[in-house]
Amino acid sequence: MSLLENIARDIAAATGVTAPLQPLGAVGGGCINQAQRIRHGDTDYFVKLNHARLRDMFVAEAAGLAELRRCDALKIPEPVCAGSNAESAWLVLEYLPLGGRGDAAALGTGLAALHRITRDRYGWTRDNTIGSTPQVNTPADDWVEFWRTHRLQFQLGLAARNGHGGRLQEQGEKLLDCLPRLFGGYTPRPSLLHGDLWGGNFAYTQSGEPALFDPAVYYGDREADLAMTELFGGFDGAFYSAYAAAWPLDAGYPVRRTLYNLYHILNHLNLFGGGYLGQAQGMIDRLLAEAG
């Protein structure tokens, strides 16, 4: 059975509709997966493809999208099915016609609504990935300890195994030891987070609705999502003003912004190499200076 026949079978099992499948061409924009638009009967779908060994990554992404769909203020593609054969894994999603211009303020208000969805503990019910890196989401009651163990310490350990030792590890260990000083009594709610909210993971539909996709979902400090929006740009002032009007940030956010973005820079170091080493070391130095 061919790859397309396997995908058509899975779509039929999920939707109850048996129909021929027609590829409509590749979709660009990602650096981890291949993507295609397909038509199954009268319905278009978006399909992600990767190696068969990464099936669990797609299953976790589907669960994350389903979790994000608890928020009705943003457009989130509906997961249809995930599967694999001997060579490939796939994730089939609702196809969203993107490319329209939209209201940045609606995106800010919608993100605040997403963050108001909370749980009692930090983390999530399953692990997932950040890019293609494993992301540990073991539930915890202590946010600082969660961030220390499952975010920074995990990435620093990967960096050491990737040959990035020396000063990065020495200063990183000092940062882990003084982490509570950067919070100053601030205890965040465990908010529902997109988890990988850079400018490439949001868009507007052709009808102008703000849409989020490609998540790395967990429950944590909402500041972590806001911080990443500032890491690589792409979000304008109306977005930030609308978010602040809906739910103002704590005064300590500017310091923790660097702390939260350090996780993503360490992940980029581990995924893409030493070009991110100096940036990671500089961020750690700034945080140590703030911690005194």
C-alpha atoms as a PDB file:
ATOM      1  CA  MET A   1       0.000   0.000   0.000  1.00  0.00           C
ATOM      2  CA  SER A   2       1.418   3.412  -0.971  1.00  0.00           C
ATOM      3  CA  LEU A   3       1.895   6.345   1.405  1.00  0.00           C
ATOM      4  CA  LEU A   4      -1.129   8.180  -0.021  1.00  0.00           C
ATOM      5  CA  GLU A   5      -3.256   5.036   0.231  1.00  0.00           C
ATOM      6  CA  ASN A   6      -2.274   4.683   3.893  1.00  0.00           C
ATOM      7  CA  ILE A   7      -3.172   8.295   4.592  1.00  0.00           C
ATOM      8  CA  ALA A   8      -6.479   7.957   2.739  1.00  0.00           C
ATOM      9  CA  ARG A   9      -7.296   4.881   4.811  1.00  0.00           C
ATOM     10  CA  ASP A  10      -6.618   6.761   8.053  1.00  0.00           C
ATOM     11  CA  ILE A  11      -8.717   9.748   6.978  1.00  0.00           C
ATOM     12  CA  ALA A  12     -11.575   7.427   6.066  1.00  0.00           C
ATOM     13  CA  ALA A  13     -11.354   5.713   9.464  1.00  0.00           C
ATOM     14  CA  ALA A  14     -11.380   9.085  11.261  1.00  0.00           C
ATOM     15  CA  THR A  15     -14.129  10.768   9.246  1.00  0.00           C
ATOM     16  CA  GLY A  16     -16.285   7.899   8.020  1.00  0.00           C
ATOM     17  CA  VAL A  17     -15.816   9.129   4.440  1.00  0.00           C
ATOM     18  CA  THR A  18     -14.166   6.851   1.892  1.00  0.00           C
ATOM     19  CA  ALA A  19     -12.899   8.790  -1.109  1.00  0.00           C
ATOM     20  CA  PRO A  20      -9.926   9.101  -3.455  1.00  0.00           C
ATOM     21  CA  LEU A  21      -7.002  11.205  -2.285  1.00  0.00           C
ATOM     22  CA  GLN A  22      -5.413  13.805  -4.546  1.00  0.00           C
ATOM     23  CA  PRO A  23      -2.097  15.557  -3.721  1.00  0.00           C
ATOM     24  CA  LEU A  24      -2.312  19.306  -4.325  1.00  0.00           C
ATOM     25  CA  GLY A  25       1.353  20.171  -3.844  1.00  0.00           C
ATOM     26  CA  ALA A  26       3.979  20.845  -1.212  1.00  0.00           C
ATOM     27  CA  VAL A  27       3.565  23.588   1.369  1.00  0.00           C
ATOM     28  CA  GLY A  28       6.699  25.436   2.460  1.00  0.00           C
ATOM     29  CA  GLY A  29       7.682  27.205   5.649  1.00  0.00           C
ATOM     30  CA  GLY A  30       8.871  24.471   8.022  1.00  0.00           C
ATOM     31  CA  CYS A  31      12.381  23.230   8.823  1.00  0.00           C
ATOM     32  CA  ILE A  32      11.457  20.042  10.714  1.00  0.00           C
ATOM     33  CA  ASN A  33       8.764  18.342   8.610  1.00  0.00           C
ATOM     34  CA  GLN A  34       7.672  18.123   5.004  1.00  0.00           C
ATOM     35  CA  ALA A  35       4.136  19.384   4.407  1.00  0.00           C
ATOM     36  CA  GLN A  36       1.531  18.930   1.694  1.00  0.00           C
ATOM     37  CA  ARG A  37      -1.965  20.012   0.911  1.00  0.00           C
ATOM     38  CA  ILE A  38      -4.192  17.120  -0.162  1.00  0.00           C
ATOM     39  CA  ARG A  39      -7.810  16.669  -1.180  1.00  0.00           C
ATOM     40  CA  HIS A  40      -9.819  13.725   0.111  1.00  0.00           C
ATOM     41  CA  GLY A  41     -13.142  13.654  -1.664  1.00  0.00           C
ATOM     42  CA  ASP A  42     -14.453  17.216  -1.438  1.00  0.00           C
ATOM     43  CA  THR A  43     -12.328  18.228   1.583  1.00  0.00           C
ATOM     44  CA  ASP A  44      -8.827  19.704   1.677  1.00  0.00           C
ATOM     45  CA  TYR A  45      -6.397  18.718   4.432  1.00  0.00           C
ATOM     46  CA  PHE A  46      -2.931  19.764   5.551  1.00  0.00           C
ATOM     47  CA  VAL A  47      -0.512  16.842   5.997  1.00  0.00           C
ATOM     48  CA  LYS A  48       2.832  16.799   7.803  1.00  0.00           C
ATOM     49  CA  LEU A  49       5.317  14.053   6.940  1.00  0.00           C
ATOM     50  CA  ASN A  50       8.477  12.785   8.612  1.00  0.00           C
ATOM     51  CA  HIS A  51      10.344   9.570   9.423  1.00  0.00           C
ATOM     52  CA  ALA A  52       8.300   6.683  10.806  1.00  0.00           C
ATOM     53  CA  ARG A  53      10.212   6.827  14.106  1.00  0.00           C
ATOM     54  CA  LEU A  54       8.681  10.273  14.769  1.00  0.00           C
ATOM     55  CA  ARG A  55       5.084   9.088  14.855  1.00  0.00           C
ATOM     56  CA  ASP A  56       4.836   9.846  18.584  1.00  0.00           C
ATOM     57  CA  MET A  57       5.850  13.447  17.885  1.00  0.00           C
ATOM     58  CA  PHE A  58       2.813  13.802  15.621  1.00  0.00           C
ATOM     59  CA  VAL A  59       0.504  12.052  18.090  1.00  0.00           C
ATOM     60  CA  ALA A  60       1.621  14.519  20.784  1.00  0.00           C
ATOM     61  CA  GLU A  61       1.134  17.470  18.431  1.00  0.00           C
ATOM     62  CA  ALA A  62      -2.392  16.315  17.657  1.00  0.00           C
ATOM     63  CA  ALA A  63      -3.117  16.135  21.398  1.00  0.00           C
ATOM     64  CA  GLY A  64      -1.671  19.626  21.841  1.00  0.00           C
ATOM     65  CA  LEU A  65      -3.852  21.085  19.103  1.00  0.00           C
ATOM     66  CA  ALA A  66      -6.894  19.446  20.679  1.00  0.00           C
ATOM     67  CA  GLU A  67      -5.938  21.057  24.006  1.00  0.00           C
ATOM     68  CA  LEU A  68      -5.538  24.493  22.397  1.00  0.00           C
ATOM     69  CA  ARG A  69      -8.982  24.166  20.826  1.00  0.00           C
ATOM     70  CA  ARG A  70     -10.405  24.628  24.329  1.00  0.00           C
ATOM     71  CA  CYS A  71      -9.933  28.338  23.553  1.00  0.00           C
ATOM     72  CA  ASP A  72     -12.602  29.616  21.164  1.00  0.00           C
ATOM     73  CA  ALA A  73     -10.992  33.057  20.735  1.00  0.00           C
ATOM     74  CA  LEU A  74      -8.353  31.772  18.278  1.00  0.00           C
ATOM     75  CA  LYS A  75      -8.504  29.579  15.206  1.00  0.00           C
ATOM     76  CA  ILE A  76      -6.717  26.267  15.848  1.00  0.00           C
ATOM     77  CA  PRO A  77      -6.606  23.583  13.123  1.00  0.00           C
ATOM     78  CA  GLU A  78      -8.512  20.459  14.076  1.00  0.00           C
ATOM     79  CA  PRO A  79      -6.383  17.300  14.161  1.00  0.00           C
ATOM     80  CA  VAL A  80      -7.881  14.525  12.028  1.00  0.00           C
ATOM     81  CA  CYS A  81      -5.524  11.562  12.384  1.00  0.00           C
ATOM     82  CA  ALA A  82      -1.906  10.539  12.863  1.00  0.00           C
ATOM     83  CA  GLY A  83      -0.307   7.348  11.635  1.00  0.00           C
ATOM     84  CA  SER A  84       2.732   5.653  10.161  1.00  0.00           C
ATOM     85  CA  ASN A  85       3.935   2.874   7.906  1.00  0.00           C
ATOM     86  CA  ALA A  86       7.389   1.313   7.677  1.00  0.00           C
ATOM     87  CA  GLU A  87       9.000   4.434   6.217  1.00  0.00           C
ATOM     88  CA  SER A  88       6.933   7.499   7.089  1.00  0.00           C
ATOM     89  CA  ALA A  89       4.816   9.103   9.788  1.00  0.00           C
ATOM     90  CA  TRP A  90       2.048  11.596   9.090  1.00  0.00           C
ATOM     91  CA  LEU A  91      -0.277  14.035  10.793  1.00  0.00           C
ATOM     92  CA  VAL A  92      -3.445  15.110   9.006  1.00  0.00           C
ATOM     93  CA  LEU A  93      -5.002  18.426  10.011  1.00  0.00           C
ATOM     94  CA  GLU A  94      -7.872  20.626   8.997  1.00  0.00           C
ATOM     95  CA  TYR A  95      -6.698  22.830   6.147  1.00  0.00           C
ATOM     96  CA  LEU A  96      -6.823  26.533   7.021  1.00  0.00           C
ATOM     97  CA  PRO A  97      -6.693  28.967   4.089  1.00  0.00           C
ATOM     98  CA  LEU A  98      -4.053  31.361   5.400  1.00  0.00           C
ATOM     99  CA  GLY A  99      -2.552  34.551   4.058  1.00  0.00           C
ATOM    100  CA  GLY A 100      -5.158  37.127   4.886  1.00  0.00           C
ATOM    101  CA  ARG A 101      -4.573  40.321   6.816  1.00  0.00           C
ATOM    102  CA  GLY A 102      -5.933  40.289  10.322  1.00  0.00           C
ATOM    103  CA  ASP A 103      -6.425  42.170  13.539  1.00  0.00           C
ATOM    104  CA  ALA A 104      -3.292  42.006  15.703  1.00  0.00           C
ATOM    105  CA  ALA A 105      -5.316  43.201  18.689  1.00  0.00           C
ATOM    106  CA  ALA A 106      -7.620  40.180  18.305  1.00  0.00           C
ATOM    107  CA  LEU A 107      -4.539  37.954  18.451  1.00  0.00           C
ATOM    108  CA  GLY A 108      -3.417  39.608  21.691  1.00  0.00           C
ATOM    109  CA  THR A 109      -6.857  39.363  23.282  1.00  0.00           C
ATOM    110  CA  GLY A 110      -7.179  35.764  22.097  1.00  0.00           C
ATOM    111  CA  LEU A 111      -3.821  34.769  23.559  1.00  0.00           C
ATOM    112  CA  ALA A 112      -4.832  36.232  26.920  1.00  0.00           C
ATOM    113  CA  ALA A 113      -8.029  34.151  26.729  1.00  0.00           C
ATOM    114  CA  LEU A 114      -5.939  31.044  26.003  1.00  0.00           C
ATOM    115  CA  HIS A 115      -3.764  31.763  29.034  1.00  0.00           C
ATOM    116  CA  ARG A 116      -6.811  32.042  31.294  1.00  0.00           C
ATOM    117  CA  ILE A 117      -7.375  28.317  30.747  1.00  0.00           C
ATOM    118  CA  THR A 118      -5.566  26.808  33.729  1.00  0.00           C
ATOM    119  CA  ARG A 119      -4.882  23.587  35.581  1.00  0.00           C
ATOM    120  CA  ASP A 120      -3.786  22.843  39.131  1.00  0.00           C
ATOM    121  CA  ARG A 121      -0.222  21.773  38.221  1.00  0.00           C
ATOM    122  CA  TYR A 122       2.523  22.801  35.844  1.00  0.00           C
ATOM    123  CA  GLY A 123       3.434  20.532  32.946  1.00  0.00           C
ATOM    124  CA  TRP A 124       0.998  18.346  31.049  1.00  0.00           C
ATOM    125  CA  THR A 125      -0.422  14.870  30.780  1.00  0.00           C
ATOM    126  CA  ARG A 126       2.215  13.809  28.230  1.00  0.00           C
ATOM    127  CA  ASP A 127       5.635  14.752  26.933  1.00  0.00           C
ATOM    128  CA  ASN A 128       5.988  16.277  23.468  1.00  0.00           C
ATOM    129  CA  THR A 129       8.646  18.058  21.422  1.00  0.00           C
ATOM    130  CA  ILE A 130      10.017  21.573  20.959  1.00  0.00           C
ATOM    131  CA  GLY A 131      11.038  21.508  17.312  1.00  0.00           C
ATOM    132  CA  SER A 132      12.288  17.938  17.142  1.00  0.00           C
ATOM    133  CA  THR A 133      13.809  18.000  20.653  1.00  0.00           C
ATOM    134  CA  PRO A 134      12.024  16.007  23.379  1.00  0.00           C
ATOM    135  CA  GLN A 135      10.185  18.257  25.834  1.00  0.00           C
ATOM    136  CA  VAL A 136       9.516  16.798  29.282  1.00  0.00           C
ATOM    137  CA  ASN A 137       6.190  17.821  30.819  1.00  0.00           C
ATOM    138  CA  THR A 138       6.080  15.719  34.003  1.00  0.00           C
ATOM    139  CA  PRO A 139       3.504  17.510  36.218  1.00  0.00           C
ATOM    140  CA  ALA A 140       4.882  19.517  39.152  1.00  0.00           C
ATOM    141  CA  ASP A 141       3.602  21.802  41.903  1.00  0.00           C
ATOM    142  CA  ASP A 142       6.665  24.087  41.957  1.00  0.00           C
ATOM    143  CA  TRP A 143       7.115  26.241  38.852  1.00  0.00           C
ATOM    144  CA  VAL A 144      10.729  27.236  39.548  1.00  0.00           C
ATOM    145  CA  GLU A 145      11.716  23.602  40.016  1.00  0.00           C
ATOM    146  CA  PHE A 146       9.809  22.621  36.859  1.00  0.00           C
ATOM    147  CA  TRP A 147      11.665  25.257  34.826  1.00  0.00           C
ATOM    148  CA  ARG A 148      15.001  24.355  36.377  1.00  0.00           C
ATOM    149  CA  THR A 149      14.703  20.591  35.821  1.00  0.00           C
ATOM    150  CA  HIS A 150      12.572  20.067  32.734  1.00  0.00           C
ATOM    151  CA  ARG A 151      13.610  23.105  30.726  1.00  0.00           C
ATOM    152  CA  LEU A 152      17.066  24.573  31.463  1.00  0.00           C
ATOM    153  CA  GLN A 153      18.805  21.572  33.029  1.00  0.00           C
ATOM    154  CA  PHE A 154      17.456  19.298  30.284  1.00  0.00           C
ATOM    155  CA  GLN A 155      18.753  21.572  27.505  1.00  0.00           C
ATOM    156  CA  LEU A 156      22.102  22.123  29.234  1.00  0.00           C
ATOM    157  CA  GLY A 157      22.500  18.347  29.493  1.00  0.00           C
ATOM    158  CA  LEU A 158      21.820  17.988  25.764  1.00  0.00           C
ATOM    159  CA  ALA A 159      24.325  20.756  25.061  1.00  0.00           C
ATOM    160  CA  ALA A 160      26.988  18.961  27.085  1.00  0.00           C
ATOM    161  CA  ARG A 161      26.372  15.767  25.113  1.00  0.00           C
ATOM    162  CA  ASN A 162      26.630  17.817  21.922  1.00  0.00           C
ATOM    163  CA  GLY A 163      30.094  19.025  22.916  1.00  0.00           C
ATOM    164  CA  HIS A 164      29.189  22.400  24.429  1.00  0.00           C
ATOM    165  CA  GLY A 165      30.930  22.203  27.794  1.00  0.00           C
ATOM    166  CA  GLY A 166      33.227  24.569  29.608  1.00  0.00           C
ATOM    167  CA  ARG A 167      31.935  28.009  30.465  1.00  0.00           C
ATOM    168  CA  LEU A 168      28.379  27.341  29.254  1.00  0.00           C
ATOM    169  CA  GLN A 169      28.022  24.491  31.717  1.00  0.00           C
ATOM    170  CA  GLU A 170      29.825  26.242  34.574  1.00  0.00           C
ATOM    171  CA  GLN A 171      27.735  29.412  34.321  1.00  0.00           C
ATOM    172  CA  GLY A 172      24.619  27.372  33.577  1.00  0.00           C
ATOM    173  CA  GLU A 173      25.023  25.480  36.847  1.00  0.00           C
ATOM    174  CA  LYS A 174      25.360  28.765  38.737  1.00  0.00           C
ATOM    175  CA  LEU A 175      22.143  29.983  37.131  1.00  0.00           C
ATOM    176  CA  LEU A 176      20.282  26.820  38.097  1.00  0.00           C
ATOM    177  CA  ASP A 177      21.388  27.295  41.696  1.00  0.00           C
ATOM    178  CA  CYS A 178      20.157  30.901  41.963  1.00  0.00           C
ATOM    179  CA  LEU A 179      16.977  30.582  39.903  1.00  0.00           C
ATOM    180  CA  PRO A 180      14.522  31.469  42.726  1.00  0.00           C
ATOM    181  CA  ARG A 181      16.057  34.937  43.022  1.00  0.00           C
ATOM    182  CA  LEU A 182      14.692  35.839  39.574  1.00  0.00           C
ATOM    183  CA  PHE A 183      11.109  35.334  40.720  1.00  0.00           C
ATOM    184  CA  GLY A 184      10.998  37.532  43.842  1.00  0.00           C
ATOM    185  CA  GLY A 185       7.884  35.919  45.275  1.00  0.00           C
ATOM    186  CA  TYR A 186       6.105  35.815  41.910  1.00  0.00           C
ATOM    187  CA  THR A 187       4.088  32.597  41.535  1.00  0.00           C
ATOM    188  CA  PRO A 188       2.393  32.202  38.142  1.00  0.00           C
ATOM    189  CA  ARG A 189      -0.785  30.308  37.428  1.00  0.00           C
ATOM    190  CA  PRO A 190      -0.375  27.114  35.397  1.00  0.00           C
ATOM    191  CA  SER A 191      -1.758  28.624  32.163  1.00  0.00           C
ATOM    192  CA  LEU A 192      -2.341  26.760  28.911  1.00  0.00           C
ATOM    193  CA  LEU A 193       0.617  27.681  26.696  1.00  0.00           C
ATOM    194  CA  HIS A 194       1.235  27.326  22.987  1.00  0.00           C
ATOM    195  CA  GLY A 195       4.844  26.682  23.966  1.00  0.00           C
ATOM    196  CA  ASP A 196       6.579  27.617  20.682  1.00  0.00           C
ATOM    197  CA  LEU A 197       5.041  30.980  19.887  1.00  0.00           C
ATOM    198  CA  TRP A 198       7.358  32.625  17.391  1.00  0.00           C
ATOM    199  CA  GLY A 199       6.262  34.569  14.325  1.00  0.00           C
ATOM    200  CA  GLY A 200       6.222  31.512  12.071  1.00  0.00           C
ATOM    201  CA  ASN A 201       3.614  29.713  14.172  1.00  0.00           C
ATOM    202  CA  PHE A 202       0.773  32.187  13.829  1.00  0.00           C
ATOM    203  CA  ALA A 203      -1.038  33.654  10.842  1.00  0.00           C
ATOM    204  CA  TYR A 204      -4.373  35.075   9.833  1.00  0.00           C
ATOM    205  CA  THR A 205      -6.910  33.172   7.810  1.00  0.00           C
ATOM    206  CA  GLN A 206      -8.204  34.674   4.588  1.00  0.00           C
ATOM    207  CA  SER A 207     -11.242  35.816   6.572  1.00  0.00           C
ATOM    208  CA  GLY A 208      -8.958  37.619   9.064  1.00  0.00           C
ATOM    209  CA  GLU A 209      -9.108  35.269  12.061  1.00  0.00           C
ATOM    210  CA  PRO A 210      -5.892  34.896  14.081  1.00  0.00           C
ATOM    211  CA  ALA A 211      -4.703  31.276  13.947  1.00  0.00           C
ATOM    212  CA  LEU A 212      -2.087  29.331  15.940  1.00  0.00           C
ATOM    213  CA  PHE A 213      -0.438  26.061  14.913  1.00  0.00           C
ATOM    214  CA  ASP A 214       2.737  23.957  15.426  1.00  0.00           C
ATOM    215  CA  PRO A 215       2.479  24.004  19.242  1.00  0.00           C
ATOM    216  CA  ALA A 216       4.633  22.564  22.033  1.00  0.00           C
ATOM    217  CA  VAL A 217       1.807  22.601  24.578  1.00  0.00           C
ATOM    218  CA  TYR A 218       2.108  22.519  28.353  1.00  0.00           C
ATOM    219  CA  TYR A 219       0.768  24.444  31.366  1.00  0.00           C
ATOM    220  CA  GLY A 220       3.107  27.043  32.811  1.00  0.00           C
ATOM    221  CA  ASP A 221       3.847  30.741  33.244  1.00  0.00           C
ATOM    222  CA  ARG A 222       2.076  32.762  30.545  1.00  0.00           C
ATOM    223  CA  GLU A 223       5.148  34.995  30.457  1.00  0.00           C
ATOM    224  CA  ALA A 224       6.987  32.168  28.658  1.00  0.00           C
ATOM    225  CA  ASP A 225       4.680  32.515  25.634  1.00  0.00           C
ATOM    226  CA  LEU A 226       4.931  36.312  25.661  1.00  0.00           C
ATOM    227  CA  ALA A 227       8.709  36.131  25.949  1.00  0.00           C
ATOM    228  CA  MET A 228       9.061  34.013  22.832  1.00  0.00           C
ATOM    229  CA  THR A 229       6.963  36.427  20.798  1.00  0.00           C
ATOM    230  CA  GLU A 230       9.744  38.951  21.421  1.00  0.00           C
ATOM    231  CA  LEU A 231      12.642  36.600  20.621  1.00  0.00           C
ATOM    232  CA  PHE A 232      12.517  36.613  16.824  1.00  0.00           C
ATOM    233  CA  GLY A 233      10.008  39.412  16.150  1.00  0.00           C
ATOM    234  CA  GLY A 234       6.895  39.316  13.987  1.00  0.00           C
ATOM    235  CA  PHE A 235       4.334  40.628  16.501  1.00  0.00           C
ATOM    236  CA  ASP A 236       3.363  44.287  16.399  1.00  0.00           C
ATOM    237  CA  GLY A 237       2.481  46.834  19.039  1.00  0.00           C
ATOM    238  CA  ALA A 238      -1.267  46.350  18.776  1.00  0.00           C
ATOM    239  CA  PHE A 239      -0.819  42.710  19.806  1.00  0.00           C
ATOM    240  CA  TYR A 240       1.077  43.638  22.982  1.00  0.00           C
ATOM    241  CA  SER A 241      -1.262  46.508  23.859  1.00  0.00           C
ATOM    242  CA  ALA A 242      -4.332  44.299  23.540  1.00  0.00           C
ATOM    243  CA  TYR A 243      -2.757  41.544  25.633  1.00  0.00           C
ATOM    244  CA  ALA A 244      -1.769  44.004  28.366  1.00  0.00           C
ATOM    245  CA  ALA A 245      -5.269  45.493  28.391  1.00  0.00           C
ATOM    246  CA  ALA A 246      -6.782  42.036  28.801  1.00  0.00           C
ATOM    247  CA  TRP A 247      -4.269  40.799  31.404  1.00  0.00           C
ATOM    248  CA  PRO A 248      -1.353  43.029  32.505  1.00  0.00           C
ATOM    249  CA  LEU A 249       2.028  41.420  33.092  1.00  0.00           C
ATOM    250  CA  ASP A 250       3.936  41.360  36.380  1.00  0.00           C
ATOM    251  CA  ALA A 251       6.631  44.007  36.869  1.00  0.00           C
ATOM    252  CA  GLY A 252       9.352  41.337  36.908  1.00  0.00           C
ATOM    253  CA  TYR A 253       8.588  40.150  33.392  1.00  0.00           C
ATOM    254  CA  PRO A 254      11.516  41.927  31.640  1.00  0.00           C
ATOM    255  CA  VAL A 255      14.040  39.862  33.635  1.00  0.00           C
ATOM    256  CA  ARG A 256      12.199  36.574  33.279  1.00  0.00           C
ATOM    257  CA  ARG A 257      11.762  37.215  29.536  1.00  0.00           C
ATOM    258  CA  THR A 258      15.479  36.506  29.159  1.00  0.00           C
ATOM    259  CA  LEU A 259      15.194  33.429  31.376  1.00  0.00           C
ATOM    260  CA  TYR A 260      12.354  31.973  29.346  1.00  0.00           C
ATOM    261  CA  ASN A 261      13.987  32.738  26.012  1.00  0.00           C
ATOM    262  CA  LEU A 262      17.210  31.094  27.154  1.00  0.00           C
ATOM    263  CA  TYR A 263      15.367  27.777  26.872  1.00  0.00           C
ATOM    264  CA  HIS A 264      14.689  28.372  23.191  1.00  0.00           C
ATOM    265  CA  ILE A 265      18.207  29.606  22.434  1.00  0.00           C
ATOM    266  CA  LEU A 266      19.664  26.519  24.114  1.00  0.00           C
ATOM    267  CA  ASN A 267      17.281  24.424  22.031  1.00  0.00           C
ATOM    268  CA  HIS A 268      18.467  26.198  18.873  1.00  0.00           C
ATOM    269  CA  LEU A 269      22.041  25.514  19.954  1.00  0.00           C
ATOM    270  CA  ASN A 270      21.202  21.829  20.245  1.00  0.00           C
ATOM    271  CA  LEU A 271      19.261  21.687  16.986  1.00  0.00           C
ATOM    272  CA  PHE A 272      21.309  23.947  14.726  1.00  0.00           C
ATOM    273  CA  GLY A 273      24.785  24.202  16.217  1.00  0.00           C
ATOM    274  CA  GLY A 274      27.325  26.547  17.725  1.00  0.00           C
ATOM    275  CA  GLY A 275      26.099  29.742  16.104  1.00  0.00           C
ATOM    276  CA  TYR A 276      23.831  30.133  19.143  1.00  0.00           C
ATOM    277  CA  LEU A 277      26.533  29.477  21.768  1.00  0.00           C
ATOM    278  CA  GLY A 278      27.580  33.087  22.287  1.00  0.00           C
ATOM    279  CA  GLN A 279      23.975  34.227  22.570  1.00  0.00           C
ATOM    280  CA  ALA A 280      23.220  31.559  25.172  1.00  0.00           C
ATOM    281  CA  GLN A 281      26.300  32.466  27.217  1.00  0.00           C
ATOM    282  CA  GLY A 282      25.445  36.164  27.064  1.00  0.00           C
ATOM    283  CA  MET A 283      21.911  35.523  28.297  1.00  0.00           C
ATOM    284  CA  ILE A 284      23.173  33.448  31.200  1.00  0.00           C
ATOM    285  CA  ASP A 285      25.639  36.197  32.150  1.00  0.00           C
ATOM    286  CA  ARG A 286      22.875  38.809  32.165  1.00  0.00           C
ATOM    287  CA  LEU A 287      20.640  36.615  34.308  1.00  0.00           C
ATOM    288  CA  LEU A 288      23.433  35.962  36.813  1.00  0.00           C
ATOM    289  CA  ALA A 289      24.021  39.698  37.077  1.00  0.00           C
ATOM    290  CA  GLU A 290      20.294  40.262  37.736  1.00  0.00           C
ATOM    291  CA  ALA A 291      20.281  37.519  40.379  1.00  0.00           C
ATOM    292  CA  GLY A 292      23.167  39.168  42.174  1.00  0.00           C
END
